[in-house]
Amino acid sequence: MKFKFTCELCKKEVKQGEKFTLDIFEKDTDITSGGIECIEAMCFSCKSKIVKKIDGLNK
């Protein structure tokens, strides 16, 4: 979906773009996990930065 929104990370107003979401979970035990962070409205630029950082950590 493409529409106007404000990015929750950089606080920039996106006039026309795709909205991405991010859910971060921490594993409490082998059976349970708890939610730490949930971002409902993220712009493409912030999403790309997070993906790049995760890819860098995996190397």
C-alpha atoms as a PDB file:
ATOM      1  CA  MET A   1       0.000   0.000   0.000  1.00  0.00           C
ATOM      2  CA  LYS A   2       1.273   3.459  -0.841  1.00  0.00           C
ATOM      3  CA  PHE A   3       0.076   6.413   1.215  1.00  0.00           C
ATOM      4  CA  LYS A   4       1.159   9.303   3.487  1.00  0.00           C
ATOM      5  CA  PHE A   5       2.549   8.541   6.966  1.00  0.00           C
ATOM      6  CA  THR A   6       5.246   9.569   9.458  1.00  0.00           C
ATOM      7  CA  CYS A   7       8.172   7.213  10.064  1.00  0.00           C
ATOM      8  CA  GLU A   8       8.411   6.226  13.737  1.00  0.00           C
ATOM      9  CA  LEU A   9      12.231   5.987  13.607  1.00  0.00           C
ATOM     10  CA  CYS A  10      13.406   9.112  11.781  1.00  0.00           C
ATOM     11  CA  LYS A  11      10.168  11.098  12.306  1.00  0.00           C
ATOM     12  CA  LYS A  12      10.164  12.176   8.636  1.00  0.00           C
ATOM     13  CA  GLU A  13       6.853  12.562   6.851  1.00  0.00           C
ATOM     14  CA  VAL A  14       6.603  10.228   3.866  1.00  0.00           C
ATOM     15  CA  LYS A  15       4.277  11.743   1.300  1.00  0.00           C
ATOM     16  CA  GLN A  16       3.910   8.667  -0.882  1.00  0.00           C
ATOM     17  CA  GLY A  17       5.571   5.390  -0.055  1.00  0.00           C
ATOM     18  CA  GLU A  18       5.314   1.923   1.363  1.00  0.00           C
ATOM     19  CA  LYS A  19       4.940   1.393   5.092  1.00  0.00           C
ATOM     20  CA  PHE A  20       7.078  -1.359   6.659  1.00  0.00           C
ATOM     21  CA  THR A  21       6.701  -2.889  10.122  1.00  0.00           C
ATOM     22  CA  LEU A  22       9.332  -4.281  12.479  1.00  0.00           C
ATOM     23  CA  ASP A  23       8.791  -6.668  15.383  1.00  0.00           C
ATOM     24  CA  ILE A  24      11.774  -7.558  17.598  1.00  0.00           C
ATOM     25  CA  PHE A  25      11.509 -10.524  19.960  1.00  0.00           C
ATOM     26  CA  GLU A  26      13.843 -11.782  22.651  1.00  0.00           C
ATOM     27  CA  LYS A  27      13.959 -15.488  23.467  1.00  0.00           C
ATOM     28  CA  ASP A  28      13.261 -15.917  27.184  1.00  0.00           C
ATOM     29  CA  THR A  29      13.527 -19.696  27.275  1.00  0.00           C
ATOM     30  CA  ASP A  30      13.436 -22.524  24.738  1.00  0.00           C
ATOM     31  CA  ILE A  31       9.629 -22.341  24.818  1.00  0.00           C
ATOM     32  CA  THR A  32       8.714 -18.677  25.301  1.00  0.00           C
ATOM     33  CA  SER A  33       9.759 -15.342  23.864  1.00  0.00           C
ATOM     34  CA  GLY A  34       8.735 -11.808  24.671  1.00  0.00           C
ATOM     35  CA  GLY A  35       8.216  -8.823  22.426  1.00  0.00           C
ATOM     36  CA  ILE A  36      10.671  -6.001  22.964  1.00  0.00           C
ATOM     37  CA  GLU A  37       9.907  -3.536  20.196  1.00  0.00           C
ATOM     38  CA  CYS A  38       7.204  -3.076  17.605  1.00  0.00           C
ATOM     39  CA  ILE A  39       7.399  -0.320  15.001  1.00  0.00           C
ATOM     40  CA  GLU A  40       4.260   0.060  12.938  1.00  0.00           C
ATOM     41  CA  ALA A  41       5.322   2.738  10.437  1.00  0.00           C
ATOM     42  CA  MET A  42       8.837   2.651   9.024  1.00  0.00           C
ATOM     43  CA  CYS A  43      10.028   4.289   5.772  1.00  0.00           C
ATOM     44  CA  PHE A  44      12.039   2.511   3.082  1.00  0.00           C
ATOM     45  CA  SER A  45      15.240   4.351   4.020  1.00  0.00           C
ATOM     46  CA  CYS A  46      15.108   3.209   7.663  1.00  0.00           C
ATOM     47  CA  LYS A  47      14.192  -0.332   6.604  1.00  0.00           C
ATOM     48  CA  SER A  48      17.211  -0.447   4.285  1.00  0.00           C
ATOM     49  CA  LYS A  49      19.542   0.744   7.063  1.00  0.00           C
ATOM     50  CA  ILE A  50      18.298  -1.985   9.424  1.00  0.00           C
ATOM     51  CA  VAL A  51      18.619  -4.710   6.779  1.00  0.00           C
ATOM     52  CA  LYS A  52      22.152  -3.524   5.916  1.00  0.00           C
ATOM     53  CA  LYS A  53      23.146  -3.554   9.610  1.00  0.00           C
ATOM     54  CA  ILE A  54      21.758  -7.077  10.126  1.00  0.00           C
ATOM     55  CA  ASP A  55      23.544  -8.320   6.991  1.00  0.00           C
ATOM     56  CA  GLY A  56      26.786  -6.807   8.322  1.00  0.00           C
ATOM     57  CA  LEU A  57      26.356  -8.619  11.652  1.00  0.00           C
ATOM     58  CA  ASN A  58      25.848 -11.956   9.883  1.00  0.00           C
ATOM     59  CA  LYS A  59      29.259 -11.778   8.131  1.00  0.00           C
END
